[in-house]
Amino acid sequence: MDIIDTIKQQIEDNDIILYMKGSPNAPQCGFSMRTSQAIMECGQRFAYVDVLSNPEIRANLPAYANWPTFPQLWVKGELVGGCDIITEMHENGELKELIEAAVPAAE
């Protein structure tokens, strides 16, 4: 499978996915730390991909997303943005609404 197909598959298979440096519990940069903390505070599970241990994704996702930096938050197949956007959305309550709307209701 080509790396772009892999990226598309990850985004399609996960309602909420964060491409970041490190992991939510061990972020490897301040921007990834702030972004993952904001998402975790919304109280829903989310997928993540460590771009440091996936160099092909790190090299190709910026072109695919037309977004040059990490972290990148994707919700329901749409790029939401990076650290500044996510932090602002978290502070004004929009992030929690977006995350909760993306999570399928428990049946």
N, C-alpha and C. Protein backbone atom coordinates (compact mmCIF):
# COMPACT_ATOMS: atom_id res chain seq x y z
N MET A 1 0.85 -1.18 0.00
CA MET A 1 0.00 0.00 0.00
C MET A 1 0.89 1.24 0.00
N ASP A 2 0.57 2.16 -0.85
CA ASP A 2 1.30 3.42 -0.96
C ASP A 2 1.05 4.29 0.29
N ILE A 3 1.99 5.13 0.66
CA ILE A 3 1.90 5.90 1.91
C ILE A 3 0.69 6.84 1.91
N ILE A 4 0.33 7.40 0.78
CA ILE A 4 -0.84 8.27 0.72
C ILE A 4 -2.10 7.46 0.98
N ASP A 5 -2.16 6.23 0.46
CA ASP A 5 -3.29 5.35 0.74
C ASP A 5 -3.36 5.01 2.22
N THR A 6 -2.21 4.81 2.84
CA THR A 6 -2.15 4.53 4.27
C THR A 6 -2.71 5.71 5.06
N ILE A 7 -2.29 6.92 4.71
CA ILE A 7 -2.78 8.12 5.39
C ILE A 7 -4.29 8.24 5.21
N LYS A 8 -4.77 8.09 3.98
CA LYS A 8 -6.22 8.16 3.72
C LYS A 8 -6.97 7.14 4.56
N GLN A 9 -6.44 5.92 4.63
CA GLN A 9 -7.08 4.85 5.39
C GLN A 9 -7.13 5.20 6.88
N GLN A 10 -6.04 5.73 7.43
CA GLN A 10 -6.02 6.11 8.84
C GLN A 10 -7.08 7.17 9.13
N ILE A 11 -7.18 8.16 8.25
CA ILE A 11 -8.13 9.25 8.44
C ILE A 11 -9.57 8.75 8.31
N GLU A 12 -9.80 7.84 7.35
CA GLU A 12 -11.15 7.28 7.17
C GLU A 12 -11.55 6.36 8.31
N ASP A 13 -10.60 5.59 8.84
CA ASP A 13 -10.91 4.59 9.85
C ASP A 13 -11.06 5.15 11.26
N ASN A 14 -10.65 6.39 11.48
CA ASN A 14 -10.68 6.98 12.82
C ASN A 14 -11.45 8.30 12.79
N ASP A 15 -12.53 8.36 13.57
CA ASP A 15 -13.32 9.60 13.62
C ASP A 15 -12.47 10.77 14.12
N ILE A 16 -11.55 10.48 15.04
CA ILE A 16 -10.67 11.52 15.59
C ILE A 16 -9.25 10.96 15.56
N ILE A 17 -8.38 11.63 14.83
CA ILE A 17 -6.99 11.17 14.76
C ILE A 17 -6.06 12.38 14.82
N LEU A 18 -5.03 12.24 15.64
CA LEU A 18 -4.04 13.29 15.82
C LEU A 18 -2.70 12.79 15.31
N TYR A 19 -2.13 13.51 14.36
CA TYR A 19 -0.77 13.26 13.92
C TYR A 19 0.12 14.17 14.74
N MET A 20 1.03 13.58 15.50
CA MET A 20 1.81 14.36 16.46
C MET A 20 3.21 13.81 16.59
N LYS A 21 4.04 14.56 17.31
CA LYS A 21 5.39 14.10 17.63
C LYS A 21 5.34 13.46 19.01
N GLY A 22 5.57 12.14 19.05
CA GLY A 22 5.47 11.40 20.30
C GLY A 22 4.08 10.81 20.45
N SER A 23 3.68 10.60 21.72
CA SER A 23 2.36 10.06 22.03
C SER A 23 1.67 11.00 23.01
N PRO A 24 0.35 10.87 23.16
CA PRO A 24 -0.34 11.76 24.11
C PRO A 24 0.24 11.71 25.53
N ASN A 25 0.71 10.54 25.95
CA ASN A 25 1.29 10.41 27.29
C ASN A 25 2.77 10.73 27.34
N ALA A 26 3.41 10.84 26.18
CA ALA A 26 4.84 11.17 26.12
C ALA A 26 5.11 12.01 24.87
N PRO A 27 4.53 13.22 24.82
CA PRO A 27 4.74 14.07 23.64
C PRO A 27 6.20 14.48 23.53
N GLN A 28 6.65 14.65 22.28
CA GLN A 28 8.04 14.99 22.03
C GLN A 28 8.25 16.44 21.61
N CYS A 29 7.21 17.26 21.70
CA CYS A 29 7.36 18.70 21.48
C CYS A 29 6.23 19.42 22.20
N GLY A 30 6.44 20.68 22.49
CA GLY A 30 5.45 21.45 23.23
C GLY A 30 4.14 21.61 22.48
N PHE A 31 4.20 21.78 21.17
CA PHE A 31 2.97 21.94 20.40
C PHE A 31 2.13 20.66 20.45
N SER A 32 2.78 19.52 20.31
CA SER A 32 2.07 18.24 20.40
C SER A 32 1.52 18.03 21.80
N MET A 33 2.28 18.45 22.82
CA MET A 33 1.82 18.31 24.20
C MET A 33 0.54 19.13 24.43
N ARG A 34 0.55 20.41 24.03
CA ARG A 34 -0.62 21.26 24.25
C ARG A 34 -1.83 20.76 23.48
N THR A 35 -1.61 20.32 22.26
CA THR A 35 -2.71 19.84 21.43
C THR A 35 -3.31 18.56 22.01
N SER A 36 -2.47 17.59 22.34
CA SER A 36 -3.00 16.33 22.87
C SER A 36 -3.68 16.53 24.21
N GLN A 37 -3.17 17.43 25.06
CA GLN A 37 -3.82 17.71 26.33
C GLN A 37 -5.21 18.30 26.13
N ALA A 38 -5.33 19.22 25.18
CA ALA A 38 -6.63 19.84 24.90
C ALA A 38 -7.63 18.78 24.45
N ILE A 39 -7.19 17.86 23.60
CA ILE A 39 -8.09 16.81 23.11
C ILE A 39 -8.45 15.86 24.25
N MET A 40 -7.46 15.47 25.05
CA MET A 40 -7.73 14.56 26.17
C MET A 40 -8.72 15.17 27.16
N GLU A 41 -8.66 16.47 27.35
CA GLU A 41 -9.58 17.14 28.28
C GLU A 41 -11.02 17.11 27.78
N CYS A 42 -11.22 16.78 26.52
CA CYS A 42 -12.58 16.65 25.97
C CYS A 42 -13.22 15.32 26.39
N GLY A 43 -12.41 14.40 26.91
CA GLY A 43 -12.94 13.18 27.50
C GLY A 43 -13.32 12.06 26.55
N GLN A 44 -12.88 12.12 25.30
CA GLN A 44 -13.20 11.05 24.35
C GLN A 44 -11.91 10.39 23.87
N ARG A 45 -12.05 9.13 23.51
CA ARG A 45 -10.89 8.40 22.96
C ARG A 45 -10.58 8.94 21.57
N PHE A 46 -9.31 8.90 21.22
CA PHE A 46 -8.89 9.31 19.89
C PHE A 46 -7.66 8.52 19.48
N ALA A 47 -7.49 8.39 18.18
CA ALA A 47 -6.31 7.71 17.65
C ALA A 47 -5.20 8.74 17.47
N TYR A 48 -3.98 8.24 17.45
CA TYR A 48 -2.85 9.13 17.16
C TYR A 48 -1.81 8.37 16.37
N VAL A 49 -1.00 9.12 15.64
CA VAL A 49 0.13 8.57 14.91
C VAL A 49 1.35 9.40 15.29
N ASP A 50 2.39 8.73 15.76
CA ASP A 50 3.65 9.39 16.09
C ASP A 50 4.44 9.56 14.80
N VAL A 51 4.53 10.79 14.31
CA VAL A 51 5.22 11.03 13.04
C VAL A 51 6.74 10.87 13.17
N LEU A 52 7.26 10.91 14.38
CA LEU A 52 8.70 10.70 14.55
C LEU A 52 9.08 9.24 14.29
N SER A 53 8.19 8.32 14.62
CA SER A 53 8.49 6.91 14.37
C SER A 53 7.88 6.43 13.04
N ASN A 54 7.26 7.35 12.31
CA ASN A 54 6.71 7.05 10.98
C ASN A 54 7.20 8.11 10.00
N PRO A 55 8.49 8.04 9.61
CA PRO A 55 9.07 9.10 8.78
C PRO A 55 8.38 9.28 7.42
N GLU A 56 7.82 8.21 6.86
CA GLU A 56 7.13 8.36 5.57
C GLU A 56 5.87 9.21 5.73
N ILE A 57 5.16 9.00 6.82
CA ILE A 57 3.96 9.82 7.08
C ILE A 57 4.40 11.25 7.35
N ARG A 58 5.44 11.41 8.14
CA ARG A 58 5.93 12.76 8.44
C ARG A 58 6.32 13.50 7.16
N ALA A 59 6.89 12.79 6.21
CA ALA A 59 7.33 13.42 4.97
C ALA A 59 6.19 13.71 4.00
N ASN A 60 5.14 12.89 4.02
CA ASN A 60 4.09 13.00 3.01
C ASN A 60 2.79 13.66 3.47
N LEU A 61 2.48 13.59 4.76
CA LEU A 61 1.22 14.17 5.23
C LEU A 61 1.11 15.67 4.98
N PRO A 62 2.17 16.47 5.19
CA PRO A 62 2.02 17.91 4.94
C PRO A 62 1.55 18.23 3.52
N ALA A 63 2.03 17.52 2.53
CA ALA A 63 1.59 17.76 1.15
C ALA A 63 0.16 17.29 0.95
N TYR A 64 -0.17 16.13 1.50
CA TYR A 64 -1.53 15.60 1.39
C TYR A 64 -2.54 16.55 2.04
N ALA A 65 -2.19 17.05 3.21
CA ALA A 65 -3.10 17.89 3.98
C ALA A 65 -3.05 19.35 3.56
N ASN A 66 -2.02 19.72 2.81
CA ASN A 66 -1.78 21.12 2.49
C ASN A 66 -1.63 21.92 3.80
N TRP A 67 -0.94 21.31 4.76
CA TRP A 67 -0.70 21.91 6.08
C TRP A 67 0.73 21.52 6.45
N PRO A 68 1.64 22.49 6.60
CA PRO A 68 3.07 22.16 6.67
C PRO A 68 3.59 21.63 8.00
N THR A 69 2.83 21.77 9.08
CA THR A 69 3.40 21.48 10.39
C THR A 69 2.64 20.40 11.14
N PHE A 70 3.23 19.95 12.23
CA PHE A 70 2.60 19.00 13.16
C PHE A 70 2.52 19.69 14.51
N PRO A 71 1.52 19.37 15.29
CA PRO A 71 0.51 18.33 15.11
C PRO A 71 -0.58 18.74 14.12
N GLN A 72 -1.33 17.72 13.69
CA GLN A 72 -2.51 17.92 12.84
C GLN A 72 -3.65 17.10 13.42
N LEU A 73 -4.77 17.75 13.69
CA LEU A 73 -5.96 17.05 14.18
C LEU A 73 -6.95 16.90 13.03
N TRP A 74 -7.40 15.67 12.83
CA TRP A 74 -8.41 15.35 11.82
C TRP A 74 -9.64 14.82 12.53
N VAL A 75 -10.79 15.35 12.18
CA VAL A 75 -12.06 14.89 12.77
C VAL A 75 -13.02 14.60 11.63
N LYS A 76 -13.53 13.38 11.61
CA LYS A 76 -14.48 12.94 10.57
C LYS A 76 -13.95 13.21 9.17
N GLY A 77 -12.66 12.94 8.96
CA GLY A 77 -12.07 13.07 7.64
C GLY A 77 -11.67 14.47 7.23
N GLU A 78 -11.86 15.44 8.12
CA GLU A 78 -11.53 16.84 7.81
C GLU A 78 -10.39 17.32 8.70
N LEU A 79 -9.45 18.02 8.10
CA LEU A 79 -8.37 18.63 8.87
C LEU A 79 -8.93 19.80 9.67
N VAL A 80 -8.78 19.75 10.98
CA VAL A 80 -9.23 20.84 11.84
C VAL A 80 -8.14 21.89 11.95
N GLY A 81 -6.89 21.45 12.17
CA GLY A 81 -5.79 22.39 12.25
C GLY A 81 -4.70 21.90 13.18
N GLY A 82 -3.84 22.84 13.54
CA GLY A 82 -2.70 22.55 14.39
C GLY A 82 -2.87 23.11 15.78
N CYS A 83 -1.77 23.29 16.47
CA CYS A 83 -1.76 23.65 17.88
C CYS A 83 -2.53 24.94 18.18
N ASP A 84 -2.24 26.02 17.46
CA ASP A 84 -2.89 27.30 17.76
C ASP A 84 -4.40 27.22 17.61
N ILE A 85 -4.85 26.61 16.52
CA ILE A 85 -6.29 26.49 16.27
C ILE A 85 -6.94 25.61 17.33
N ILE A 86 -6.33 24.47 17.64
CA ILE A 86 -6.90 23.54 18.62
C ILE A 86 -6.94 24.18 20.00
N THR A 87 -5.88 24.88 20.37
CA THR A 87 -5.84 25.54 21.68
C THR A 87 -6.95 26.59 21.78
N GLU A 88 -7.12 27.38 20.74
CA GLU A 88 -8.17 28.40 20.74
C GLU A 88 -9.55 27.76 20.80
N MET A 89 -9.75 26.71 20.02
CA MET A 89 -11.05 26.02 20.04
C MET A 89 -11.33 25.41 21.41
N HIS A 90 -10.29 24.89 22.07
CA HIS A 90 -10.44 24.31 23.40
C HIS A 90 -10.84 25.40 24.40
N GLU A 91 -10.18 26.54 24.31
CA GLU A 91 -10.46 27.63 25.25
C GLU A 91 -11.87 28.17 25.11
N ASN A 92 -12.43 28.19 23.89
CA ASN A 92 -13.77 28.75 23.73
C ASN A 92 -14.87 27.69 23.69
N GLY A 93 -14.52 26.42 23.92
CA GLY A 93 -15.52 25.36 24.02
C GLY A 93 -15.86 24.67 22.71
N GLU A 94 -15.36 25.18 21.58
CA GLU A 94 -15.70 24.59 20.29
C GLU A 94 -15.10 23.20 20.11
N LEU A 95 -13.92 22.96 20.66
CA LEU A 95 -13.26 21.67 20.48
C LEU A 95 -14.08 20.55 21.11
N LYS A 96 -14.55 20.76 22.34
CA LYS A 96 -15.34 19.74 23.03
C LYS A 96 -16.60 19.42 22.22
N GLU A 97 -17.26 20.44 21.70
CA GLU A 97 -18.46 20.23 20.88
C GLU A 97 -18.13 19.42 19.64
N LEU A 98 -17.04 19.77 18.96
CA LEU A 98 -16.62 19.07 17.74
C LEU A 98 -16.30 17.61 18.04
N ILE A 99 -15.53 17.38 19.09
CA ILE A 99 -15.11 16.03 19.46
C ILE A 99 -16.32 15.19 19.84
N GLU A 100 -17.22 15.74 20.65
CA GLU A 100 -18.39 14.98 21.09
C GLU A 100 -19.31 14.67 19.91
N ALA A 101 -19.44 15.59 18.97
CA ALA A 101 -20.28 15.35 17.80
C ALA A 101 -19.70 14.26 16.90
N ALA A 102 -18.38 14.08 16.94
CA ALA A 102 -17.71 13.10 16.07
C ALA A 102 -17.79 11.67 16.62
N VAL A 103 -18.05 11.55 17.92
CA VAL A 103 -18.05 10.24 18.55
C VAL A 103 -19.42 9.61 18.39
N PRO A 104 -19.49 8.40 17.85
CA PRO A 104 -20.79 7.75 17.70
C PRO A 104 -21.45 7.51 19.07
N ALA A 105 -22.75 7.71 19.12
CA ALA A 105 -23.47 7.50 20.38
C ALA A 105 -23.42 6.02 20.76
N ALA A 106 -23.30 5.78 22.05
CA ALA A 106 -23.27 4.39 22.53
C ALA A 106 -24.65 3.78 22.34
N GLU A 107 -24.65 2.55 21.87
CA GLU A 107 -25.95 1.89 21.63
C GLU A 107 -26.20 0.83 22.65
